[in-house]
Protein backbone atom coordinates (compact mmCIF):
# COMPACT_ATOMS: atom_id res chain seq x y z
CA UNK A 1 0.24 2.51 24.34
CA UNK A 2 3.57 4.52 24.06
CA UNK A 3 2.75 5.47 20.40
CA UNK A 4 -0.64 6.74 19.59
CA UNK A 5 -0.45 6.06 15.91
CA UNK A 6 1.75 4.15 13.24
CA UNK A 7 3.40 7.03 11.85
CA UNK A 8 4.71 8.08 15.25
CA UNK A 9 5.93 4.49 15.84
CA UNK A 10 7.80 4.56 12.60
CA UNK A 11 9.12 8.02 13.07
CA UNK A 12 10.31 7.60 16.78
CA UNK A 13 11.14 3.94 16.96
CA UNK A 14 11.65 2.35 13.39
CA UNK A 15 13.59 5.05 11.71
CA UNK A 16 16.16 6.08 14.43
CA UNK A 17 16.65 2.36 15.61
CA UNK A 18 17.22 0.71 12.06
CA UNK A 19 20.43 2.81 11.19
CA UNK A 20 21.61 0.99 7.91
CA UNK A 21 23.20 1.76 4.70
CA UNK A 22 20.32 1.96 2.43
CA UNK A 23 21.51 2.52 -0.84
CA UNK A 24 18.84 0.83 -3.04
CA UNK A 25 20.95 -1.97 -3.98
CA UNK A 26 21.75 -3.86 -1.04
CA UNK A 27 19.10 -2.49 1.30
CA UNK A 28 16.27 -0.08 0.49
CA UNK A 29 13.59 2.09 2.22
CA UNK A 30 10.87 4.04 0.72
CA UNK A 31 10.53 7.78 2.53
CA UNK A 32 6.69 7.34 1.41
CA UNK A 33 6.57 4.07 3.16
CA UNK A 34 2.74 4.83 3.71
CA UNK A 35 2.12 4.45 -0.10
CA UNK A 36 2.94 0.65 0.28
CA UNK A 37 0.19 -1.31 1.81
CA UNK A 38 2.42 -4.29 2.48
CA UNK A 39 4.74 -2.09 4.33
CA UNK A 40 1.70 -0.63 6.23
CA UNK A 41 0.60 -4.06 7.31
CA UNK A 42 4.05 -5.20 8.29
CA UNK A 43 4.91 -1.86 10.35
CA UNK A 44 1.54 -1.99 12.10
CA UNK A 45 1.96 -5.69 12.97
CA UNK A 46 5.53 -4.48 14.38
CA UNK A 47 3.78 -1.58 16.13
CA UNK A 48 1.10 -3.81 17.84
CA UNK A 49 3.30 -6.51 18.78
CA UNK A 50 5.86 -3.88 20.11
CA UNK A 51 3.33 -2.46 22.31
CA UNK A 52 2.31 -5.90 23.66
CA UNK A 53 5.88 -7.50 24.14
CA UNK A 54 7.28 -4.34 25.96
CA UNK A 55 5.15 -5.09 28.87
CA UNK A 56 7.08 -8.32 29.46
CA UNK A 57 10.26 -7.28 31.49
CA UNK A 58 12.04 -10.32 31.02
CA UNK A 59 12.28 -11.45 27.28
CA UNK A 60 9.63 -9.26 25.84
CA UNK A 61 12.15 -7.01 23.88
CA UNK A 62 14.30 -10.17 22.62
CA UNK A 63 11.14 -12.07 21.51
CA UNK A 64 9.98 -8.94 19.54
CA UNK A 65 13.32 -8.27 17.92
CA UNK A 66 13.86 -11.98 17.02
CA UNK A 67 10.57 -13.11 16.15
CA UNK A 68 9.00 -9.95 14.68
CA UNK A 69 11.26 -6.95 13.96
CA UNK A 70 14.19 -8.81 12.47
CA UNK A 71 11.93 -10.76 9.99
CA UNK A 72 9.75 -7.88 8.92
CA UNK A 73 12.48 -5.51 8.72
CA UNK A 74 14.34 -7.87 6.42
CA UNK A 75 11.64 -8.39 4.18
CA UNK A 76 10.70 -4.58 4.08
CA UNK A 77 14.32 -3.59 3.21
CA UNK A 78 14.97 -6.42 0.65
CA UNK A 79 15.46 -4.33 -2.73
CA UNK A 80 14.57 -7.33 -4.70
CA UNK A 81 11.78 -8.89 -2.98
CA UNK A 82 10.37 -6.45 -0.57
CA UNK A 83 7.62 -3.93 -1.30
CA UNK A 84 9.96 -0.80 -1.81
CA UNK A 85 11.55 -2.44 -4.90
CA UNK A 86 11.87 0.43 -7.24
CA UNK A 87 11.95 3.12 -4.47
CA UNK A 88 15.13 4.59 -3.39
CA UNK A 89 15.76 6.25 -0.04
CA UNK A 90 16.97 9.55 -1.37
CA UNK A 91 15.20 9.67 -4.64
CA UNK A 92 11.81 8.61 -3.17
CA UNK A 93 8.92 6.67 -4.18
CA UNK A 94 8.88 4.64 -7.34
CA UNK A 95 5.70 2.70 -8.76
CA UNK A 96 7.39 -0.67 -10.01
CA UNK A 97 5.19 -3.04 -8.28
CA UNK A 98 1.77 -3.82 -9.30
CA UNK A 99 -1.12 -5.82 -7.48
CA UNK A 100 -1.20 -9.66 -8.00
CA UNK A 101 -3.28 -10.65 -10.81
CA UNK A 102 -6.75 -11.98 -9.78
CA UNK A 103 -9.64 -13.84 -11.46
CA UNK A 104 -13.39 -13.82 -9.94
CA UNK A 105 -13.87 -16.94 -8.12
CA UNK A 106 -17.02 -18.96 -9.19
CA UNK A 107 -20.13 -17.55 -7.78
CA UNK A 108 -21.10 -19.05 -4.30
CA UNK A 109 -17.59 -20.63 -3.76
CA UNK A 110 -17.12 -18.63 -0.58
CA UNK A 111 -20.39 -18.63 0.97
């Protein structure tokens, strides 16, 4: 593996590669991305798929960009529907999103 941890992958591949005008209105990012469970899951999926697909010398990086990175980064950076809603790239983390509401399933339903 090139990157030994998710934070290194984000710091050394994602952040310097995705140079975008993040203003919080059109695209957004949270400097404390690790406070968002969905972001962790999406970024870890990107990391794992990158580590695997980089080994394919023919189309691996193209497949990673089109099938993985483009899709996940579009969701992550969406200021209305993404996990960083309420955060701002300069002002930092905002706590606007709450977990989905849940009810307990009937006992024994999933046994």
